[in-house]
């Protein structure tokens, strides 16, 4: 559905007048739409935050998760609340604009009503409004920005580099950016970003002498207030992604070094210290409880759209912890009122970017159109039409993930298929055509090769147990990011609350228990080992071929594990 802003508001008014089963807030007038983005000025320090855009230059549909489990200390707490539990926690009304912005509830109807979210041209309009509201405001980018689309892959990230400069990004940190390789990242830092965008990461050092690869932090003067921005790149990049792409860089959480860097920034006069993090929210919450002197952590990686910060008490006072979602869907706005060198107050708002409510910035739209023009033929190829909603979000599976594993089993004639627990990827509504661009939104990486492996039943269990421990380890510092590997063909039971090595049981294939010593044919993709380079065709070619044959994709039946120990968990719908 494509319409201009005025047409959109008229449709909402008609919907309300016609008595459709939509909340009255669905029928916002111009005044109501403006109110969403008209924040009163507050304080003298303003930080704008985007993260995990995953190279989405155009507006998209995006479904929030219906499964985001939290256990131990995180049981029943954000970010591990979904659906009605999330609405109740933040005080949002069902069927409101906020309910659609922050939850999966009523997704199809609300998405059709409100239209798409994000898009750099619409985000640019909002950024300009916020910078005009508070001159001197800084735009911070939490990473996972250069990867996630066909055009980013084909331009070696140049489309996103140019778009971020045009957007006015001041400081950024990294994760998937590193999958373009050390040389490319440094080339962008030293040429494209020189004097414009600072890349910061206190926890990335050389493997030989432990020298900083990037600036640990920068201090920016904002309306007379020195503000330190400390970078925290994704700590497990060489594990979650191929080590061979960053052979000379070491990572890790580096908590002690973080404390030293914060202390150094304070000693140099910083009156506000903010960490721009790609840890993931649970890791940020733990770090906030242990490192003194951080006023706020603006977080990413776990794609959690958090309407309000979590206030964490620590030995130095308190730290605000936020996370600003993904795919260009939100802009976080954190304002501090600094008086006599101390923070006297703060205001935070996570603004959803509704493309129908924000006019496209003309200059940004022209840039987007220009960089996409050479590739439109490939991107717009219609592969099939979906009859159900396609999405990728949730601890265990998503319908687009299911399409990928189904395609792997069919095209590779495999018994079982594994697909990585990637969180990035756009959504499609029933009746939409599945374009090549949409497949690339789920698969565009620099190590896309498909594989076929003969695996014993025992090895299959080991793989599932290892990934499960990364997801549900009770210590956030040992959670290495991502969601559970998506599984096709194989059914199993999962107890996230069990001990490591004991979470997976009752593995079944076609009604038979998996034999630990029997060998099974397992298809997969995205191998991280250097030996697997060019192992097989890129995954997008395989999925595209599968969809061309299908033509009409029936609603996908999710292959979900039977969950034990998650009863009444507010992180599951």
Protein backbone atom coordinates (compact mmCIF):
# COMPACT_ATOMS: atom_id res chain seq x y z
CA UNK A 1 0.00 0.00 0.00
CA UNK A 2 1.46 3.32 -1.05
CA UNK A 3 -0.14 6.69 -0.38
CA UNK A 4 0.82 10.17 0.64
CA UNK A 5 0.41 11.52 4.15
CA UNK A 6 -2.88 13.33 3.58
CA UNK A 7 -4.46 10.31 1.85
CA UNK A 8 -3.29 8.16 4.75
CA UNK A 9 -4.97 10.38 7.32
CA UNK A 10 -8.16 10.44 5.25
CA UNK A 11 -8.22 6.65 5.16
CA UNK A 12 -7.90 6.57 8.95
CA UNK A 13 -10.79 9.01 9.32
CA UNK A 14 -12.98 6.92 7.01
CA UNK A 15 -12.04 3.76 8.92
CA UNK A 16 -13.14 5.33 12.17
CA UNK A 17 -16.37 6.70 10.68
CA UNK A 18 -17.17 3.30 9.22
CA UNK A 19 -16.94 1.67 12.62
CA UNK A 20 -14.06 -0.65 11.76
CA UNK A 21 -12.65 -2.61 14.70
CA UNK A 22 -9.73 -0.27 15.14
CA UNK A 23 -8.95 1.83 18.20
CA UNK A 24 -9.85 5.50 17.91
CA UNK A 25 -6.16 6.38 17.89
CA UNK A 26 -6.00 4.68 14.49
CA UNK A 27 -7.98 7.68 13.22
CA UNK A 28 -5.45 10.38 14.08
CA UNK A 29 -5.92 13.75 12.46
CA UNK A 30 -3.05 15.99 11.29
CA UNK A 31 -2.75 17.41 14.78
CA UNK A 32 -2.43 13.98 16.34
CA UNK A 33 0.19 12.92 13.83
CA UNK A 34 2.23 16.02 14.54
CA UNK A 35 1.96 15.45 18.27
CA UNK A 36 3.76 12.13 17.95
CA UNK A 37 6.93 13.91 16.86
CA UNK A 38 6.65 17.30 18.58
CA UNK A 39 8.85 16.85 21.63
CA UNK A 40 9.21 19.85 23.91
CA UNK A 41 12.78 21.09 24.21
CA UNK A 42 14.52 19.84 27.34
CA UNK A 43 17.97 20.45 28.74
CA UNK A 44 21.19 21.34 26.94
CA UNK A 45 22.50 17.93 25.79
CA UNK A 46 20.58 15.91 23.18
CA UNK A 47 21.63 12.52 21.85
CA UNK A 48 19.83 10.95 18.89
CA UNK A 49 20.26 7.20 18.55
CA UNK A 50 19.75 4.75 15.70
CA UNK A 51 20.95 1.16 15.65
CA UNK A 52 20.71 -2.07 13.66
CA UNK A 53 19.35 -0.41 10.51
CA UNK A 54 20.63 -3.40 8.52
CA UNK A 55 20.99 -1.39 5.33
CA UNK A 56 17.27 -0.72 4.91
CA UNK A 57 17.14 2.53 2.94
CA UNK A 58 13.46 2.24 1.99
CA UNK A 59 10.40 1.95 4.27
CA UNK A 60 9.49 -1.61 5.20
CA UNK A 61 7.02 -3.67 7.19
CA UNK A 62 8.48 -5.09 10.38
CA UNK A 63 6.84 -7.45 12.86
CA UNK A 64 8.05 -7.37 16.47
CA UNK A 65 8.65 -10.71 18.24
CA UNK A 66 6.03 -12.86 19.90
CA UNK A 67 8.79 -14.87 21.64
CA UNK A 68 11.58 -13.19 23.63
CA UNK A 69 12.29 -15.35 26.64
CA UNK A 70 14.05 -14.18 29.76
CA UNK A 71 15.08 -16.38 32.68
CA UNK A 72 16.74 -15.98 36.06
CA UNK A 73 17.17 -12.32 36.96
CA UNK A 74 15.62 -11.29 33.64
CA UNK A 75 12.38 -13.23 34.06
CA UNK A 76 9.42 -10.90 33.62
CA UNK A 77 11.62 -7.88 32.90
CA UNK A 78 12.29 -5.86 29.78
CA UNK A 79 13.42 -6.55 27.16
CA UNK A 80 11.87 -10.01 27.71
CA UNK A 81 8.23 -8.97 27.53
CA UNK A 82 6.03 -9.39 24.47
CA UNK A 83 2.45 -8.63 23.46
CA UNK A 84 0.01 -7.73 26.22
CA UNK A 85 2.72 -8.06 28.88
CA UNK A 86 4.75 -5.38 27.12
CA UNK A 87 1.74 -3.08 26.73
CA UNK A 88 0.85 -3.41 30.40
CA UNK A 89 4.43 -2.73 31.52
CA UNK A 90 4.69 0.51 29.54
CA UNK A 91 1.08 1.59 30.01
CA UNK A 92 0.03 1.41 26.35
CA UNK A 93 -3.57 0.84 25.31
CA UNK A 94 -4.43 -2.15 23.10
CA UNK A 95 -4.87 -1.28 19.42
CA UNK A 96 -3.15 2.07 19.91
CA UNK A 97 -0.44 3.45 17.68
CA UNK A 98 2.06 2.57 20.41
CA UNK A 99 0.78 -1.01 20.52
CA UNK A 100 1.58 -1.36 16.83
CA UNK A 101 4.90 0.44 17.12
CA UNK A 102 6.28 -1.72 19.92
CA UNK A 103 4.50 -5.10 19.70
CA UNK A 104 3.43 -7.78 17.23
CA UNK A 105 -0.25 -7.55 18.28
CA UNK A 106 -2.82 -7.15 15.51
CA UNK A 107 0.14 -6.85 13.16
CA UNK A 108 -1.46 -7.44 9.78
CA UNK A 109 -4.41 -5.08 10.25
CA UNK A 110 -2.34 -2.39 11.94
CA UNK A 111 0.39 -2.61 9.30
CA UNK A 112 -2.16 -2.19 6.52
CA UNK A 113 -3.63 0.78 8.35
CA UNK A 114 -0.46 2.62 9.31
CA UNK A 115 1.70 1.61 6.36
CA UNK A 116 5.43 1.01 6.39
CA UNK A 117 8.04 2.07 8.92
CA UNK A 118 11.56 3.41 8.59
CA UNK A 119 13.25 4.50 5.41
CA UNK A 120 16.24 6.82 5.50
CA UNK A 121 14.42 9.63 3.69
CA UNK A 122 11.73 9.70 6.39
CA UNK A 123 14.27 9.15 9.15
CA UNK A 124 16.26 12.10 7.76
CA UNK A 125 13.22 14.36 8.13
CA UNK A 126 12.81 13.32 11.75
CA UNK A 127 16.54 13.72 12.51
CA UNK A 128 16.47 17.25 11.08
CA UNK A 129 13.44 18.10 13.23
CA UNK A 130 15.15 16.84 16.37
CA UNK A 131 18.40 18.67 15.58
CA UNK A 132 16.46 21.89 14.95
CA UNK A 133 14.65 21.34 18.25
CA UNK A 134 17.93 21.12 20.16
CA UNK A 135 20.87 22.66 18.25
CA UNK A 136 24.11 20.78 18.78
CA UNK A 137 22.38 17.41 19.09
CA UNK A 138 24.57 14.42 18.19
CA UNK A 139 23.41 11.50 16.02
CA UNK A 140 24.83 8.19 17.23
CA UNK A 141 24.78 4.98 15.19
CA UNK A 142 24.99 1.73 17.17
CA UNK A 143 26.19 -0.43 14.26
CA UNK A 144 24.79 -3.21 12.08
CA UNK A 145 24.19 -0.45 9.55
CA UNK A 146 26.20 -1.44 6.47
CA UNK A 147 24.83 -5.00 6.12
CA UNK A 148 21.40 -6.43 5.41
CA UNK A 149 20.43 -5.61 1.82
CA UNK A 150 21.36 -6.53 -1.71
CA UNK A 151 22.58 -3.03 -2.52
CA UNK A 152 24.81 -2.88 0.57
CA UNK A 153 26.38 -6.18 -0.44
CA UNK A 154 26.82 -5.25 -4.11
CA UNK A 155 28.26 -1.78 -3.38
CA UNK A 156 30.60 -3.10 -0.67
CA UNK A 157 28.65 -0.98 1.85
CA UNK A 158 29.14 2.26 -0.07
CA UNK A 159 25.41 2.95 -0.33
CA UNK A 160 25.07 2.92 3.44
CA UNK A 161 28.27 4.87 4.03
CA UNK A 162 26.99 7.66 1.78
CA UNK A 163 23.52 7.53 3.34
CA UNK A 164 24.91 7.76 6.89
CA UNK A 165 26.99 10.78 5.99
CA UNK A 166 23.93 12.41 4.43
CA UNK A 167 21.86 11.54 7.50
CA UNK A 168 24.35 13.37 9.70
CA UNK A 169 25.76 10.52 11.79
CA UNK A 170 28.43 11.85 14.16
CA UNK A 171 29.66 8.74 15.98
CA UNK A 172 29.21 5.01 15.41
CA UNK A 173 30.34 1.61 16.65
CA UNK A 174 30.42 -1.75 14.85
CA UNK A 175 29.31 -5.34 14.45
CA UNK A 176 28.33 -6.70 11.02
CA UNK A 177 30.40 -3.94 9.46
CA UNK A 178 33.44 -6.13 10.20
CA UNK A 179 32.18 -8.80 7.78
CA UNK A 180 33.40 -6.60 4.94
CA UNK A 181 36.91 -7.23 6.25
CA UNK A 182 39.47 -5.18 8.14
CA UNK A 183 40.81 -3.37 5.09
CA UNK A 184 37.40 -2.15 3.93
CA UNK A 185 36.36 -0.96 7.41
CA UNK A 186 39.58 1.03 7.86
CA UNK A 187 39.30 2.44 4.34
CA UNK A 188 35.85 3.82 5.17
CA UNK A 189 37.06 5.19 8.50
CA UNK A 190 40.13 6.88 7.06
CA UNK A 191 38.66 8.16 3.79
CA UNK A 192 34.84 8.42 3.68
CA UNK A 193 34.39 9.21 7.36
CA UNK A 194 37.52 11.32 7.93
CA UNK A 195 36.59 14.46 9.82
CA UNK A 196 32.88 13.59 9.63
CA UNK A 197 32.04 10.36 11.48
CA UNK A 198 34.03 8.92 14.40
CA UNK A 199 34.15 5.13 14.75
CA UNK A 200 34.61 4.26 18.44
CA UNK A 201 35.24 0.87 20.08
CA UNK A 202 37.16 0.52 23.34
CA UNK A 203 37.09 -3.27 23.11
CA UNK A 204 38.70 -3.83 19.70
CA UNK A 205 42.48 -4.18 19.79
CA UNK A 206 45.26 -5.62 17.66
CA UNK A 207 46.00 -9.29 18.29
CA UNK A 208 49.77 -8.73 18.36
CA UNK A 209 50.42 -5.79 20.71
CA UNK A 210 46.93 -4.99 22.01
CA UNK A 211 46.85 -1.54 20.47
CA UNK A 212 43.49 0.17 19.93
CA UNK A 213 42.15 -0.41 16.43
CA UNK A 214 39.68 2.48 16.77
CA UNK A 215 39.34 5.44 19.08
CA UNK A 216 38.03 4.13 22.41
CA UNK A 217 35.95 7.30 22.83
CA UNK A 218 35.49 10.87 21.67
CA UNK A 219 34.57 13.97 23.64
CA UNK A 220 32.15 16.34 21.93
CA UNK A 221 31.31 19.80 23.25
CA UNK A 222 27.57 20.31 23.19
CA UNK A 223 26.31 23.75 24.19
CA UNK A 224 29.31 24.15 26.48
CA UNK A 225 28.98 20.66 28.01
CA UNK A 226 31.79 18.13 27.34
CA UNK A 227 30.11 14.80 26.44
CA UNK A 228 32.10 11.57 26.09
CA UNK A 229 30.87 8.87 23.72
CA UNK A 230 32.54 5.52 24.48
CA UNK A 231 32.29 2.77 21.87
CA UNK A 232 31.52 -0.89 22.58
CA UNK A 233 31.58 -3.07 19.46
CA UNK A 234 29.90 -6.49 19.48
CA UNK A 235 32.20 -8.50 21.77
CA UNK A 236 31.85 -11.86 19.99
CA UNK A 237 32.32 -10.78 16.38
CA UNK A 238 35.12 -13.33 15.63
CA UNK A 239 32.91 -16.14 16.99
CA UNK A 240 29.48 -15.21 15.66
CA UNK A 241 30.98 -14.21 12.30
CA UNK A 242 34.04 -15.51 10.40
CA UNK A 243 37.34 -15.05 12.18
CA UNK A 244 39.15 -14.86 8.84
CA UNK A 245 37.46 -11.53 8.10
CA UNK A 246 39.10 -9.86 11.11
CA UNK A 247 42.28 -11.94 11.68
CA UNK A 248 44.27 -9.13 13.29
CA UNK A 249 41.63 -7.78 15.66
CA UNK A 250 40.68 -9.05 19.11
CA UNK A 251 37.36 -8.33 20.77
CA UNK A 252 35.65 -9.27 24.06
CA UNK A 253 33.56 -7.40 26.61
CA UNK A 254 36.65 -5.80 28.20
CA UNK A 255 34.85 -4.65 31.34
CA UNK A 256 38.01 -3.56 33.17
CA UNK A 257 39.17 -1.53 30.19
CA UNK A 258 35.70 0.02 29.95
CA UNK A 259 36.06 1.23 33.54
CA UNK A 260 39.51 2.64 32.77
CA UNK A 261 38.23 4.42 29.66
CA UNK A 262 35.25 5.91 31.51
CA UNK A 263 37.56 7.12 34.28
CA UNK A 264 39.92 8.64 31.71
CA UNK A 265 37.10 10.46 29.97
CA UNK A 266 35.92 11.85 33.31
CA UNK A 267 39.47 12.93 34.14
CA UNK A 268 39.62 14.83 30.85
CA UNK A 269 36.56 16.84 31.83
CA UNK A 270 33.60 14.89 30.48
CA UNK A 271 30.49 15.91 32.39
CA UNK A 272 28.33 13.33 30.62
CA UNK A 273 29.57 9.83 29.69
CA UNK A 274 27.51 7.70 27.34
CA UNK A 275 28.37 4.24 26.01
CA UNK A 276 27.34 3.56 22.42
CA UNK A 277 27.01 -0.20 22.65
CA UNK A 278 26.42 -3.23 20.47
CA UNK A 279 26.50 -5.67 23.38
CA UNK A 280 22.84 -6.63 23.43
CA UNK A 281 20.54 -5.40 26.16
CA UNK A 282 21.10 -8.12 28.76
CA UNK A 283 24.86 -7.60 28.54
CA UNK A 284 24.39 -3.84 28.81
CA UNK A 285 22.26 -4.26 31.94
CA UNK A 286 24.97 -6.33 33.61
CA UNK A 287 27.72 -3.93 32.54
CA UNK A 288 25.70 -1.00 33.86
CA UNK A 289 25.54 -2.65 37.28
CA UNK A 290 29.30 -3.14 37.42
CA UNK A 291 30.98 -0.13 35.76
CA UNK A 292 30.89 3.23 37.55
CA UNK A 293 30.52 6.59 35.90
CA UNK A 294 28.38 5.75 32.87
CA UNK A 295 25.34 7.99 32.63
CA UNK A 296 23.63 6.03 29.86
CA UNK A 297 24.15 3.05 27.59
CA UNK A 298 22.56 3.45 24.17
CA UNK A 299 22.40 -0.17 23.12
CA UNK A 300 21.84 -2.32 20.07
CA UNK A 301 22.29 -5.86 18.70
CA UNK A 302 19.20 -7.47 20.24
CA UNK A 303 16.77 -5.27 18.24
CA UNK A 304 14.67 -4.46 21.30
CA UNK A 305 12.45 -1.43 20.82
CA UNK A 306 12.37 -0.11 24.39
CA UNK A 307 10.02 2.87 24.89
CA UNK A 308 11.68 3.76 28.20
CA UNK A 309 15.15 3.23 29.68
CA UNK A 310 15.88 0.79 32.49
CA UNK A 311 17.46 2.60 35.44
CA UNK A 312 20.29 0.48 36.86
CA UNK A 313 21.74 1.32 40.28
CA UNK A 314 25.48 0.87 40.76
CA UNK A 315 28.36 1.96 42.99
CA UNK A 316 28.66 5.26 41.13
CA UNK A 317 24.98 6.12 41.21
CA UNK A 318 22.81 5.05 38.30
CA UNK A 319 22.97 4.26 34.58
CA UNK A 320 20.16 4.49 32.02
CA UNK A 321 20.06 1.49 29.66
CA UNK A 322 18.15 1.70 26.38
CA UNK A 323 17.85 -0.20 23.12
CA UNK A 324 16.51 1.37 19.93
CA UNK A 325 15.11 -1.51 17.88
CA UNK A 326 16.14 -2.16 14.29
CA UNK A 327 15.67 -1.60 10.57
CA UNK A 328 15.42 2.18 10.84
CA UNK A 329 12.10 1.79 12.60
CA UNK A 330 12.94 4.04 15.57
CA UNK A 331 14.88 7.12 16.57
CA UNK A 332 15.87 7.31 20.23
CA UNK A 333 16.04 10.79 21.75
CA UNK A 334 17.88 11.18 25.07
CA UNK A 335 18.04 14.67 26.57
CA UNK A 336 20.10 15.66 29.60
CA UNK A 337 19.83 18.86 31.61
CA UNK A 338 23.37 19.52 32.83
CA UNK A 339 23.87 22.20 35.48
CA UNK A 340 27.14 23.05 37.22
CA UNK A 341 28.82 20.02 35.68
CA UNK A 342 26.17 17.57 36.93
CA UNK A 343 23.13 15.96 35.34
CA UNK A 344 20.07 17.56 36.91
CA UNK A 345 17.49 15.62 34.90
CA UNK A 346 16.79 13.65 31.75
CA UNK A 347 14.03 12.88 29.26
CA UNK A 348 13.90 9.90 26.89
CA UNK A 349 11.60 9.10 23.99
CA UNK A 350 11.79 6.31 21.44
CA UNK A 351 10.10 7.68 18.32
CA UNK A 352 8.66 5.19 15.81
CA UNK A 353 9.36 6.26 12.23
CA UNK A 354 6.04 5.97 10.37
CA UNK A 355 6.77 6.68 6.71
CA UNK A 356 3.20 7.91 6.11
CA UNK A 357 3.46 10.48 8.90
CA UNK A 358 6.87 11.91 7.99
CA UNK A 359 7.46 13.39 4.53
CA UNK A 360 10.50 12.06 2.71
CA UNK A 361 13.55 14.30 2.79
CA UNK A 362 14.08 15.20 -0.88
CA UNK A 363 17.88 15.13 -0.85
CA UNK A 364 18.03 11.77 0.93
CA UNK A 365 15.37 10.29 -1.36
CA UNK A 366 17.36 11.43 -4.40
CA UNK A 367 20.48 9.74 -3.00
CA UNK A 368 18.56 6.52 -2.33
CA UNK A 369 17.05 6.49 -5.82
CA UNK A 370 20.48 7.06 -7.35
CA UNK A 371 22.27 4.25 -5.51
CA UNK A 372 19.44 1.79 -6.15
CA UNK A 373 18.90 2.58 -9.82
CA UNK A 374 21.53 0.19 -11.27
CA UNK A 375 20.08 -2.76 -9.35
CA UNK A 376 16.32 -2.33 -9.71
CA UNK A 377 16.02 -5.04 -12.35
CA UNK A 378 17.46 -7.66 -10.01
CA UNK A 379 15.75 -6.36 -6.87
CA UNK A 380 12.27 -6.20 -8.39
CA UNK A 381 12.15 -9.72 -9.81
CA UNK A 382 8.94 -11.30 -8.52
CA UNK A 383 9.64 -14.80 -7.29
CA UNK A 384 6.29 -15.75 -5.75
CA UNK A 385 3.29 -14.39 -3.86
CA UNK A 386 2.86 -15.09 -0.15
CA UNK A 387 -0.53 -16.02 1.30
CA UNK A 388 0.67 -15.63 4.88
CA UNK A 389 2.74 -13.16 6.89
CA UNK A 390 6.48 -13.60 6.49
CA UNK A 391 8.75 -12.38 9.27
CA UNK A 392 12.01 -13.20 11.01
CA UNK A 393 11.92 -12.41 14.69
CA UNK A 394 11.73 -14.62 17.77
CA UNK A 395 13.96 -16.86 19.83
CA UNK A 396 13.27 -20.06 17.87
CA UNK A 397 11.86 -19.45 14.42
CA UNK A 398 10.13 -17.07 12.04
CA UNK A 399 8.09 -17.76 8.95
CA UNK A 400 10.76 -16.39 6.59
CA UNK A 401 13.32 -18.57 8.38
CA UNK A 402 11.00 -21.51 7.80
CA UNK A 403 10.95 -20.76 4.08
CA UNK A 404 14.75 -20.86 4.07
CA UNK A 405 15.03 -24.24 5.81
CA UNK A 406 12.23 -25.68 3.67
CA UNK A 407 14.11 -24.50 0.59
CA UNK A 408 17.36 -26.03 1.82
CA UNK A 409 15.74 -29.43 2.42
CA UNK A 410 14.09 -29.50 -0.98
CA UNK A 411 16.91 -28.08 -3.09
CA UNK A 412 19.67 -30.05 -1.35
CA UNK A 413 17.60 -33.23 -0.94
CA UNK A 414 18.47 -33.15 2.76
CA UNK A 415 16.78 -34.71 5.78
CA UNK A 416 17.47 -31.79 8.12
CA UNK A 417 18.30 -28.14 7.58
CA UNK A 418 19.89 -25.52 9.82
CA UNK A 419 19.68 -21.76 9.29
CA UNK A 420 21.49 -19.27 11.57
CA UNK A 421 19.45 -17.45 14.21
CA UNK A 422 19.85 -14.09 12.52
CA UNK A 423 17.52 -11.36 13.79
CA UNK A 424 17.71 -9.04 10.79
CA UNK A 425 15.20 -9.25 7.95
CA UNK A 426 12.07 -7.45 6.82
CA UNK A 427 8.45 -8.62 6.95
CA UNK A 428 5.79 -9.20 4.28
CA UNK A 429 2.02 -9.08 4.56
CA UNK A 430 -0.40 -11.65 3.09
CA UNK A 431 -0.92 -11.12 -0.62
CA UNK A 432 2.36 -9.33 -1.20
CA UNK A 433 4.72 -10.43 -3.96
CA UNK A 434 8.00 -11.89 -2.72
CA UNK A 435 10.69 -10.00 -4.62
CA UNK A 436 14.35 -10.90 -4.95
CA UNK A 437 15.00 -7.87 -2.74
CA UNK A 438 13.02 -9.46 0.08
CA UNK A 439 15.05 -12.67 -0.12
CA UNK A 440 18.25 -10.62 -0.04
CA UNK A 441 16.92 -8.77 3.03
CA UNK A 442 17.12 -12.15 4.82
CA UNK A 443 20.34 -13.50 3.29
CA UNK A 444 22.71 -10.78 2.01
CA UNK A 445 26.02 -11.52 3.72
CA UNK A 446 29.63 -11.84 2.60
CA UNK A 447 29.77 -15.58 3.43
CA UNK A 448 26.48 -16.83 1.94
CA UNK A 449 27.54 -20.29 0.81
CA UNK A 450 25.25 -23.29 1.19
CA UNK A 451 26.57 -26.55 2.61
CA UNK A 452 25.65 -30.21 2.93
CA UNK A 453 27.17 -32.12 5.83
CA UNK A 454 26.89 -35.69 7.04
CA UNK A 455 26.29 -35.41 10.78
CA UNK A 456 25.77 -38.01 13.46
CA UNK A 457 22.77 -37.74 15.73
CA UNK A 458 25.14 -37.00 18.59
CA UNK A 459 26.72 -34.12 16.66
CA UNK A 460 23.30 -32.67 15.83
CA UNK A 461 22.46 -32.59 19.54
CA UNK A 462 25.82 -30.97 20.31
CA UNK A 463 25.15 -28.21 17.79
CA UNK A 464 21.70 -27.51 19.23
CA UNK A 465 23.01 -27.55 22.80
CA UNK A 466 25.85 -25.14 22.01
CA UNK A 467 23.60 -22.59 20.32
CA UNK A 468 21.01 -22.95 23.07
CA UNK A 469 23.66 -22.20 25.69
CA UNK A 470 24.67 -19.06 23.81
CA UNK A 471 21.06 -17.92 23.95
CA UNK A 472 20.04 -18.97 27.45
CA UNK A 473 23.25 -18.93 29.47
CA UNK A 474 22.27 -17.48 32.86
CA UNK A 475 25.30 -15.16 32.73
CA UNK A 476 24.66 -12.46 30.09
CA UNK A 477 28.40 -12.11 29.51
CA UNK A 478 28.37 -15.60 27.99
CA UNK A 479 25.46 -14.95 25.67
CA UNK A 480 27.11 -14.65 22.29
CA UNK A 481 24.24 -13.02 20.46
CA UNK A 482 21.70 -14.16 17.93
CA UNK A 483 18.71 -16.43 18.40
CA UNK A 484 18.34 -20.20 18.30
CA UNK A 485 19.42 -21.92 15.09
CA UNK A 486 16.38 -22.42 12.89
CA UNK A 487 15.70 -26.09 12.25
CA UNK A 488 13.90 -27.82 9.39
CA UNK A 489 12.81 -31.46 9.33
CA UNK A 490 13.81 -32.16 12.93
CA UNK A 491 11.50 -31.80 15.93
CA UNK A 492 12.85 -31.48 19.46
CA UNK A 493 12.06 -30.45 23.02
CA UNK A 494 13.89 -27.51 24.62
CA UNK A 495 14.14 -26.65 28.30
CA UNK A 496 15.88 -23.25 28.47
CA UNK A 497 16.06 -23.44 32.28
CA UNK A 498 18.09 -26.67 32.32
CA UNK A 499 21.86 -26.83 32.68
CA UNK A 500 24.22 -26.61 29.73
CA UNK A 501 24.18 -29.83 27.71
CA UNK A 502 20.80 -30.84 29.09
CA UNK A 503 18.46 -28.40 27.36
CA UNK A 504 17.73 -30.44 24.21
CA UNK A 505 15.83 -33.75 24.26
CA UNK A 506 13.40 -35.93 22.33
CA UNK A 507 14.89 -35.18 18.90
CA UNK A 508 12.64 -36.71 16.24
CA UNK A 509 12.80 -37.12 12.47
CA UNK A 510 9.69 -38.33 10.63
CA UNK A 511 8.30 -39.76 13.86
CA UNK A 512 11.48 -41.64 14.81
CA UNK A 513 13.93 -40.76 17.57
CA UNK A 514 17.28 -39.50 16.31
CA UNK A 515 19.91 -42.22 16.63
CA UNK A 516 23.12 -40.79 18.20
CA UNK A 517 25.36 -42.93 15.96
CA UNK A 518 23.38 -42.74 12.74
CA UNK A 519 24.52 -40.32 10.02
CA UNK A 520 22.06 -37.76 8.68
CA UNK A 521 22.23 -35.46 5.66
CA UNK A 522 22.09 -31.87 6.95
CA UNK A 523 21.89 -28.75 4.76
CA UNK A 524 22.90 -25.30 5.97
CA UNK A 525 24.42 -21.98 5.01
CA UNK A 526 26.66 -19.16 6.29
CA UNK A 527 29.67 -21.29 7.31
CA UNK A 528 32.15 -19.30 9.41
CA UNK A 529 35.24 -21.41 8.71
CA UNK A 530 37.61 -20.16 6.04
CA UNK A 531 37.82 -23.67 4.56
CA UNK A 532 34.13 -23.42 3.65
CA UNK A 533 34.65 -20.45 1.30
CA UNK A 534 32.75 -20.98 -1.94
CA UNK A 535 31.47 -24.32 -0.60
CA UNK A 536 28.21 -24.04 -2.50
CA UNK A 537 25.94 -21.59 -4.25
CA UNK A 538 24.85 -18.46 -2.37
CA UNK A 539 21.76 -19.07 -0.27
CA UNK A 540 19.73 -16.39 -2.06
CA UNK A 541 20.06 -18.23 -5.36
CA UNK A 542 18.79 -21.44 -3.78
CA UNK A 543 15.83 -19.74 -2.05
CA UNK A 544 14.95 -17.80 -5.20
CA UNK A 545 14.88 -21.00 -7.26
CA UNK A 546 12.65 -22.65 -4.66
CA UNK A 547 10.20 -19.71 -4.66
CA UNK A 548 10.08 -19.51 -8.46
CA UNK A 549 8.95 -23.14 -8.48
CA UNK A 550 6.40 -22.58 -5.69
CA UNK A 551 4.89 -19.42 -7.27
CA UNK A 552 2.19 -19.16 -4.58
CA UNK A 553 3.54 -19.63 -1.06
CA UNK A 554 0.89 -21.06 1.25
CA UNK A 555 0.87 -19.90 4.89
CA UNK A 556 4.00 -21.36 6.45
CA UNK A 557 3.72 -23.85 9.31
CA UNK A 558 6.42 -23.05 11.86
CA UNK A 559 8.63 -25.87 13.07
CA UNK A 560 8.90 -24.87 16.73
CA UNK A 561 10.41 -26.93 19.54
CA UNK A 562 8.23 -28.11 22.38
CA UNK A 563 9.13 -25.80 25.24
CA UNK A 564 9.52 -27.03 28.80
CA UNK A 565 10.16 -24.67 31.70
CA UNK A 566 8.73 -21.65 29.88
CA UNK A 567 5.19 -21.98 31.12
CA UNK A 568 3.63 -18.58 31.94
CA UNK A 569 6.76 -16.80 30.75
CA UNK A 570 5.79 -13.21 29.82
CA UNK A 571 8.32 -13.41 27.00
CA UNK A 572 6.13 -15.79 24.98
CA UNK A 573 2.74 -15.11 23.45
